[in-house]
Amino acid sequence: MTIEIFSKYVSYSGLFFAGIIAFCLIFSFIYFGIHKKKYEILLSEYKNTGIPLPGAYNFHSMMGFWGAFPMVYFFRCLTIGKKPRGCFGGRVYSGDYFTTLPPEQKRWLNIYYYANIINTIAVLLFFFLGGIKYIIDVFLS
């Protein structure tokens, strides 16, 4: 009896996280569409510096919405003056342009970044709960 109740709660929790995933994905898609011009301006400003984007970030910069999350992470790191991860041995722009962005520009970067972090955590929890549900159904029933 206790396993069935626990299994039910695991199922409901998984559905809850699936809803969060759907909401965050839709929110990110719409939010990126609204701020796409600002994203393209940041990308072009970086390319105007003459320093090439590091390997993986160059690839992500050409993917539009699907590559926007790593690029927003990259730009957020530049706004706080830290070197982004994944820049193996390459040079990264360290001038004043990104550290002196207006607060509204930094705000949309942060909102988009944290929406995607929440989405990533929800996906991990969804798969974790799915694994627990599988173990309950296969081995404990």
N, C-alpha and C. Protein backbone atom coordinates (compact mmCIF):
# COMPACT_ATOMS: atom_id res chain seq x y z
N MET A 1 0.83 -1.20 0.00
CA MET A 1 0.00 0.00 0.00
C MET A 1 0.87 1.27 0.00
N THR A 2 1.93 1.27 0.77
CA THR A 2 2.79 2.44 0.86
C THR A 2 3.52 2.69 -0.46
N ILE A 3 3.95 1.64 -1.14
CA ILE A 3 4.64 1.79 -2.42
C ILE A 3 3.71 2.40 -3.45
N GLU A 4 2.44 2.02 -3.46
CA GLU A 4 1.49 2.58 -4.44
C GLU A 4 1.28 4.07 -4.22
N ILE A 5 1.20 4.46 -2.96
CA ILE A 5 1.02 5.89 -2.65
C ILE A 5 2.27 6.67 -3.06
N PHE A 6 3.45 6.13 -2.72
CA PHE A 6 4.70 6.78 -3.10
C PHE A 6 4.81 6.86 -4.62
N SER A 7 4.43 5.79 -5.31
CA SER A 7 4.47 5.77 -6.78
C SER A 7 3.57 6.84 -7.38
N LYS A 8 2.42 7.03 -6.77
CA LYS A 8 1.48 8.04 -7.24
C LYS A 8 2.08 9.45 -7.07
N TYR A 9 2.71 9.69 -5.92
CA TYR A 9 3.33 11.00 -5.68
C TYR A 9 4.50 11.24 -6.64
N VAL A 10 5.26 10.20 -6.93
CA VAL A 10 6.35 10.33 -7.90
C VAL A 10 5.79 10.68 -9.27
N SER A 11 4.68 10.03 -9.65
CA SER A 11 4.05 10.32 -10.95
C SER A 11 3.55 11.75 -11.01
N TYR A 12 2.89 12.20 -9.96
CA TYR A 12 2.38 13.59 -9.94
C TYR A 12 3.53 14.60 -9.97
N SER A 13 4.59 14.28 -9.25
CA SER A 13 5.75 15.18 -9.26
C SER A 13 6.38 15.24 -10.66
N GLY A 14 6.45 14.10 -11.32
CA GLY A 14 6.97 14.07 -12.69
C GLY A 14 6.12 14.90 -13.63
N LEU A 15 4.80 14.80 -13.48
CA LEU A 15 3.91 15.63 -14.31
C LEU A 15 4.08 17.12 -14.01
N PHE A 16 4.29 17.45 -12.75
CA PHE A 16 4.53 18.84 -12.37
C PHE A 16 5.79 19.37 -13.06
N PHE A 17 6.88 18.59 -13.02
CA PHE A 17 8.11 19.04 -13.66
C PHE A 17 7.98 19.05 -15.18
N ALA A 18 7.18 18.17 -15.75
CA ALA A 18 6.92 18.22 -17.19
C ALA A 18 6.20 19.52 -17.55
N GLY A 19 5.30 19.96 -16.70
CA GLY A 19 4.62 21.25 -16.92
C GLY A 19 5.59 22.41 -16.84
N ILE A 20 6.50 22.36 -15.88
CA ILE A 20 7.51 23.42 -15.76
C ILE A 20 8.39 23.45 -17.00
N ILE A 21 8.76 22.27 -17.50
CA ILE A 21 9.59 22.19 -18.70
C ILE A 21 8.87 22.83 -19.88
N ALA A 22 7.60 22.48 -20.07
CA ALA A 22 6.82 23.04 -21.18
C ALA A 22 6.69 24.55 -21.04
N PHE A 23 6.39 25.02 -19.82
CA PHE A 23 6.24 26.46 -19.60
C PHE A 23 7.54 27.20 -19.88
N CYS A 24 8.65 26.70 -19.34
CA CYS A 24 9.94 27.37 -19.54
C CYS A 24 10.36 27.37 -21.00
N LEU A 25 10.09 26.29 -21.71
CA LEU A 25 10.46 26.23 -23.13
C LEU A 25 9.64 27.23 -23.94
N ILE A 26 8.35 27.29 -23.68
CA ILE A 26 7.49 28.25 -24.40
C ILE A 26 7.88 29.68 -24.02
N PHE A 27 8.11 29.92 -22.73
CA PHE A 27 8.52 31.24 -22.28
C PHE A 27 9.84 31.65 -22.94
N SER A 28 10.82 30.74 -22.97
CA SER A 28 12.11 31.05 -23.57
C SER A 28 11.98 31.36 -25.06
N PHE A 29 11.15 30.59 -25.74
CA PHE A 29 10.96 30.81 -27.17
C PHE A 29 10.35 32.18 -27.44
N ILE A 30 9.31 32.53 -26.71
CA ILE A 30 8.66 33.84 -26.90
C ILE A 30 9.60 34.97 -26.46
N TYR A 31 10.25 34.80 -25.32
CA TYR A 31 11.13 35.83 -24.79
C TYR A 31 12.31 36.08 -25.72
N PHE A 32 12.88 35.00 -26.28
CA PHE A 32 13.96 35.17 -27.23
C PHE A 32 13.46 35.89 -28.49
N GLY A 33 12.27 35.56 -28.93
CA GLY A 33 11.70 36.23 -30.11
C GLY A 33 11.53 37.72 -29.88
N ILE A 34 11.12 38.09 -28.68
CA ILE A 34 10.95 39.50 -28.35
C ILE A 34 12.29 40.23 -28.33
N HIS A 35 13.32 39.57 -27.82
CA HIS A 35 14.63 40.22 -27.64
C HIS A 35 15.67 39.76 -28.65
N LYS A 36 15.23 39.19 -29.76
CA LYS A 36 16.16 38.68 -30.76
C LYS A 36 17.07 39.79 -31.32
N LYS A 37 16.52 40.97 -31.53
CA LYS A 37 17.31 42.08 -32.07
C LYS A 37 18.46 42.44 -31.12
N LYS A 38 18.18 42.47 -29.81
CA LYS A 38 19.22 42.77 -28.83
C LYS A 38 20.31 41.69 -28.85
N TYR A 39 19.88 40.44 -29.00
CA TYR A 39 20.82 39.32 -29.08
C TYR A 39 21.71 39.47 -30.31
N GLU A 40 21.12 39.81 -31.45
CA GLU A 40 21.89 39.98 -32.67
C GLU A 40 22.85 41.15 -32.57
N ILE A 41 22.46 42.21 -31.87
CA ILE A 41 23.35 43.36 -31.66
C ILE A 41 24.56 42.93 -30.83
N LEU A 42 24.32 42.18 -29.74
CA LEU A 42 25.44 41.71 -28.92
C LEU A 42 26.38 40.84 -29.74
N LEU A 43 25.81 39.96 -30.55
CA LEU A 43 26.62 39.07 -31.37
C LEU A 43 27.44 39.85 -32.39
N SER A 44 26.83 40.82 -33.04
CA SER A 44 27.57 41.60 -34.03
C SER A 44 28.63 42.48 -33.36
N GLU A 45 28.33 43.01 -32.18
CA GLU A 45 29.33 43.81 -31.47
C GLU A 45 30.54 42.97 -31.08
N TYR A 46 30.29 41.73 -30.67
CA TYR A 46 31.43 40.86 -30.35
C TYR A 46 32.23 40.56 -31.61
N LYS A 47 31.55 40.28 -32.71
CA LYS A 47 32.27 39.97 -33.95
C LYS A 47 33.03 41.18 -34.48
N ASN A 48 32.56 42.39 -34.17
CA ASN A 48 33.25 43.61 -34.59
C ASN A 48 34.54 43.84 -33.81
N THR A 49 34.73 43.15 -32.69
CA THR A 49 35.96 43.33 -31.93
C THR A 49 37.16 42.72 -32.65
N GLY A 50 36.91 41.82 -33.59
CA GLY A 50 38.00 41.20 -34.33
C GLY A 50 38.54 39.95 -33.67
N ILE A 51 38.08 39.65 -32.47
CA ILE A 51 38.51 38.43 -31.77
C ILE A 51 37.49 37.35 -32.12
N PRO A 52 37.93 36.23 -32.68
CA PRO A 52 36.96 35.20 -33.06
C PRO A 52 36.32 34.56 -31.83
N LEU A 53 35.08 34.13 -32.01
CA LEU A 53 34.40 33.41 -30.94
C LEU A 53 35.11 32.08 -30.71
N PRO A 54 35.25 31.66 -29.46
CA PRO A 54 35.84 30.35 -29.19
C PRO A 54 35.01 29.23 -29.81
N GLY A 55 35.65 28.14 -30.16
CA GLY A 55 35.09 26.99 -30.86
C GLY A 55 33.61 26.72 -30.75
N ALA A 56 33.18 26.19 -29.61
CA ALA A 56 31.77 25.80 -29.45
C ALA A 56 30.85 27.01 -29.53
N TYR A 57 31.27 28.15 -29.03
CA TYR A 57 30.43 29.34 -29.06
C TYR A 57 30.23 29.84 -30.48
N ASN A 58 31.23 29.66 -31.33
CA ASN A 58 31.07 30.02 -32.74
C ASN A 58 29.98 29.17 -33.37
N PHE A 59 29.96 27.88 -33.05
CA PHE A 59 28.92 26.99 -33.55
C PHE A 59 27.55 27.41 -33.03
N HIS A 60 27.45 27.67 -31.74
CA HIS A 60 26.17 28.05 -31.14
C HIS A 60 25.66 29.39 -31.66
N SER A 61 26.57 30.27 -32.05
CA SER A 61 26.14 31.58 -32.53
C SER A 61 25.39 31.50 -33.85
N MET A 62 25.52 30.39 -34.56
CA MET A 62 24.85 30.22 -35.85
C MET A 62 23.55 29.42 -35.74
N MET A 63 23.13 29.06 -34.53
CA MET A 63 21.97 28.20 -34.36
C MET A 63 20.69 28.92 -33.96
N GLY A 64 20.69 30.22 -33.88
CA GLY A 64 19.48 30.96 -33.53
C GLY A 64 19.00 30.64 -32.13
N PHE A 65 17.71 30.36 -31.98
CA PHE A 65 17.13 30.09 -30.67
C PHE A 65 17.79 28.91 -29.98
N TRP A 66 18.08 27.84 -30.72
CA TRP A 66 18.61 26.63 -30.11
C TRP A 66 20.04 26.81 -29.60
N GLY A 67 20.75 27.79 -30.08
CA GLY A 67 22.10 28.05 -29.58
C GLY A 67 22.17 29.29 -28.71
N ALA A 68 21.02 29.90 -28.42
CA ALA A 68 21.01 31.15 -27.68
C ALA A 68 21.41 30.99 -26.22
N PHE A 69 21.04 29.88 -25.60
CA PHE A 69 21.36 29.72 -24.17
C PHE A 69 22.87 29.73 -23.92
N PRO A 70 23.68 28.95 -24.65
CA PRO A 70 25.14 29.04 -24.41
C PRO A 70 25.69 30.43 -24.74
N MET A 71 25.13 31.07 -25.76
CA MET A 71 25.62 32.40 -26.12
C MET A 71 25.24 33.44 -25.06
N VAL A 72 24.06 33.31 -24.48
CA VAL A 72 23.67 34.22 -23.40
C VAL A 72 24.58 34.00 -22.19
N TYR A 73 24.91 32.74 -21.92
CA TYR A 73 25.87 32.46 -20.85
C TYR A 73 27.21 33.15 -21.16
N PHE A 74 27.66 33.04 -22.40
CA PHE A 74 28.92 33.66 -22.83
C PHE A 74 28.88 35.17 -22.61
N PHE A 75 27.79 35.82 -23.05
CA PHE A 75 27.68 37.27 -22.90
C PHE A 75 27.53 37.68 -21.43
N ARG A 76 26.83 36.88 -20.64
CA ARG A 76 26.71 37.18 -19.21
C ARG A 76 28.08 37.15 -18.54
N CYS A 77 28.88 36.17 -18.90
CA CYS A 77 30.24 36.11 -18.33
C CYS A 77 31.04 37.35 -18.71
N LEU A 78 30.90 37.80 -19.95
CA LEU A 78 31.63 38.99 -20.38
C LEU A 78 31.15 40.24 -19.63
N THR A 79 29.84 40.30 -19.32
CA THR A 79 29.33 41.48 -18.62
C THR A 79 29.83 41.57 -17.19
N ILE A 80 30.16 40.43 -16.58
CA ILE A 80 30.69 40.48 -15.22
C ILE A 80 32.22 40.39 -15.20
N GLY A 81 32.82 40.32 -16.39
CA GLY A 81 34.27 40.35 -16.49
C GLY A 81 34.96 39.03 -16.20
N LYS A 82 34.26 37.92 -16.39
CA LYS A 82 34.89 36.62 -16.16
C LYS A 82 34.97 35.85 -17.46
N LYS A 83 35.97 34.97 -17.56
CA LYS A 83 36.15 34.19 -18.78
C LYS A 83 35.16 33.02 -18.79
N PRO A 84 34.38 32.90 -19.86
CA PRO A 84 33.41 31.79 -19.92
C PRO A 84 34.10 30.44 -20.00
N ARG A 85 33.41 29.41 -19.52
CA ARG A 85 33.93 28.05 -19.62
C ARG A 85 33.88 27.62 -21.07
N GLY A 86 34.77 26.74 -21.44
CA GLY A 86 34.79 26.23 -22.80
C GLY A 86 35.64 27.05 -23.75
N CYS A 87 36.41 28.00 -23.24
CA CYS A 87 37.29 28.81 -24.06
C CYS A 87 38.72 28.30 -23.90
N PHE A 88 38.95 27.13 -24.42
CA PHE A 88 40.21 26.44 -24.21
C PHE A 88 41.35 27.11 -24.96
N GLY A 89 42.15 27.85 -24.24
CA GLY A 89 43.35 28.45 -24.80
C GLY A 89 43.12 29.63 -25.71
N GLY A 90 41.87 29.94 -26.03
CA GLY A 90 41.58 31.04 -26.94
C GLY A 90 41.48 32.37 -26.23
N ARG A 91 41.63 33.43 -27.00
CA ARG A 91 41.45 34.77 -26.45
C ARG A 91 39.97 35.10 -26.41
N VAL A 92 39.58 35.88 -25.44
CA VAL A 92 38.21 36.34 -25.30
C VAL A 92 38.25 37.84 -25.10
N TYR A 93 37.32 38.55 -25.71
CA TYR A 93 37.24 40.01 -25.58
C TYR A 93 37.12 40.40 -24.12
N SER A 94 37.93 41.32 -23.70
CA SER A 94 37.88 41.76 -22.30
C SER A 94 37.79 43.28 -22.20
N GLY A 95 37.24 43.91 -23.22
CA GLY A 95 37.14 45.38 -23.22
C GLY A 95 35.96 45.88 -22.42
N ASP A 96 35.67 47.16 -22.64
CA ASP A 96 34.65 47.83 -21.85
C ASP A 96 33.23 47.69 -22.39
N TYR A 97 33.07 47.28 -23.65
CA TYR A 97 31.72 47.28 -24.22
C TYR A 97 30.75 46.44 -23.41
N PHE A 98 31.12 45.23 -23.08
CA PHE A 98 30.19 44.32 -22.40
C PHE A 98 30.04 44.63 -20.92
N THR A 99 31.06 45.20 -20.29
CA THR A 99 30.94 45.53 -18.87
C THR A 99 30.14 46.81 -18.66
N THR A 100 29.97 47.61 -19.71
CA THR A 100 29.22 48.86 -19.57
C THR A 100 27.87 48.80 -20.29
N LEU A 101 27.31 47.62 -20.43
CA LEU A 101 25.99 47.50 -21.04
C LEU A 101 24.95 48.17 -20.16
N PRO A 102 23.90 48.75 -20.77
CA PRO A 102 22.84 49.34 -19.95
C PRO A 102 22.13 48.27 -19.12
N PRO A 103 21.55 48.65 -18.00
CA PRO A 103 20.88 47.68 -17.12
C PRO A 103 19.77 46.87 -17.80
N GLU A 104 19.05 47.49 -18.75
CA GLU A 104 17.99 46.74 -19.42
C GLU A 104 18.55 45.59 -20.25
N GLN A 105 19.69 45.83 -20.88
CA GLN A 105 20.34 44.78 -21.67
C GLN A 105 20.79 43.63 -20.77
N LYS A 106 21.35 43.96 -19.62
CA LYS A 106 21.76 42.92 -18.68
C LYS A 106 20.54 42.20 -18.10
N ARG A 107 19.44 42.93 -17.92
CA ARG A 107 18.24 42.34 -17.33
C ARG A 107 17.66 41.25 -18.22
N TRP A 108 17.56 41.49 -19.52
CA TRP A 108 16.97 40.46 -20.38
C TRP A 108 17.90 39.25 -20.48
N LEU A 109 19.23 39.49 -20.44
CA LEU A 109 20.17 38.37 -20.43
C LEU A 109 19.96 37.50 -19.19
N ASN A 110 19.82 38.14 -18.03
CA ASN A 110 19.64 37.39 -16.79
C ASN A 110 18.32 36.64 -16.76
N ILE A 111 17.24 37.26 -17.21
CA ILE A 111 15.94 36.59 -17.22
C ILE A 111 15.98 35.38 -18.14
N TYR A 112 16.53 35.53 -19.32
CA TYR A 112 16.61 34.41 -20.26
C TYR A 112 17.50 33.30 -19.70
N TYR A 113 18.61 33.69 -19.11
CA TYR A 113 19.55 32.72 -18.55
C TYR A 113 18.90 31.91 -17.43
N TYR A 114 18.25 32.58 -16.48
CA TYR A 114 17.66 31.88 -15.34
C TYR A 114 16.44 31.05 -15.74
N ALA A 115 15.69 31.48 -16.74
CA ALA A 115 14.58 30.65 -17.24
C ALA A 115 15.12 29.34 -17.80
N ASN A 116 16.25 29.39 -18.47
CA ASN A 116 16.83 28.17 -19.02
C ASN A 116 17.51 27.32 -17.96
N ILE A 117 18.04 27.94 -16.91
CA ILE A 117 18.59 27.17 -15.79
C ILE A 117 17.47 26.42 -15.09
N ILE A 118 16.34 27.08 -14.85
CA ILE A 118 15.18 26.42 -14.24
C ILE A 118 14.72 25.27 -15.12
N ASN A 119 14.70 25.49 -16.43
CA ASN A 119 14.30 24.43 -17.36
C ASN A 119 15.26 23.24 -17.27
N THR A 120 16.53 23.50 -17.21
CA THR A 120 17.53 22.42 -17.12
C THR A 120 17.36 21.61 -15.84
N ILE A 121 17.16 22.30 -14.73
CA ILE A 121 16.95 21.61 -13.46
C ILE A 121 15.66 20.78 -13.50
N ALA A 122 14.61 21.34 -14.10
CA ALA A 122 13.35 20.61 -14.21
C ALA A 122 13.49 19.36 -15.07
N VAL A 123 14.27 19.44 -16.15
CA VAL A 123 14.51 18.26 -16.99
C VAL A 123 15.25 17.19 -16.21
N LEU A 124 16.26 17.58 -15.45
CA LEU A 124 17.01 16.61 -14.65
C LEU A 124 16.11 15.94 -13.61
N LEU A 125 15.29 16.73 -12.94
CA LEU A 125 14.38 16.16 -11.94
C LEU A 125 13.33 15.27 -12.59
N PHE A 126 12.85 15.65 -13.77
CA PHE A 126 11.87 14.84 -14.49
C PHE A 126 12.45 13.46 -14.81
N PHE A 127 13.67 13.42 -15.33
CA PHE A 127 14.29 12.13 -15.64
C PHE A 127 14.63 11.33 -14.39
N PHE A 128 15.03 12.02 -13.33
CA PHE A 128 15.29 11.34 -12.07
C PHE A 128 14.03 10.68 -11.53
N LEU A 129 12.92 11.42 -11.54
CA LEU A 129 11.65 10.86 -11.08
C LEU A 129 11.17 9.74 -12.00
N GLY A 130 11.43 9.88 -13.29
CA GLY A 130 11.09 8.81 -14.22
C GLY A 130 11.86 7.54 -13.91
N GLY A 131 13.12 7.68 -13.52
CA GLY A 131 13.92 6.52 -13.13
C GLY A 131 13.39 5.88 -11.86
N ILE A 132 13.00 6.70 -10.89
CA ILE A 132 12.42 6.16 -9.66
C ILE A 132 11.11 5.43 -9.97
N LYS A 133 10.28 6.02 -10.81
CA LYS A 133 9.01 5.38 -11.18
C LYS A 133 9.27 4.06 -11.89
N TYR A 134 10.26 4.00 -12.75
CA TYR A 134 10.60 2.75 -13.44
C TYR A 134 11.03 1.67 -12.46
N ILE A 135 11.88 2.07 -11.49
CA ILE A 135 12.34 1.10 -10.49
C ILE A 135 11.16 0.58 -9.66
N ILE A 136 10.26 1.48 -9.29
CA ILE A 136 9.09 1.05 -8.51
C ILE A 136 8.24 0.08 -9.32
N ASP A 137 7.98 0.43 -10.58
CA ASP A 137 7.09 -0.40 -11.39
C ASP A 137 7.70 -1.75 -11.77
N VAL A 138 8.99 -1.78 -12.03
CA VAL A 138 9.62 -3.01 -12.51
C VAL A 138 10.07 -3.91 -11.36
N PHE A 139 10.70 -3.32 -10.34
CA PHE A 139 11.31 -4.13 -9.32
C PHE A 139 10.50 -4.25 -8.02
N LEU A 140 9.65 -3.31 -7.74
CA LEU A 140 8.95 -3.31 -6.45
C LEU A 140 7.47 -3.64 -6.54
N SER A 141 6.96 -3.84 -7.72
CA SER A 141 5.53 -4.16 -7.85
C SER A 141 5.28 -5.64 -7.83
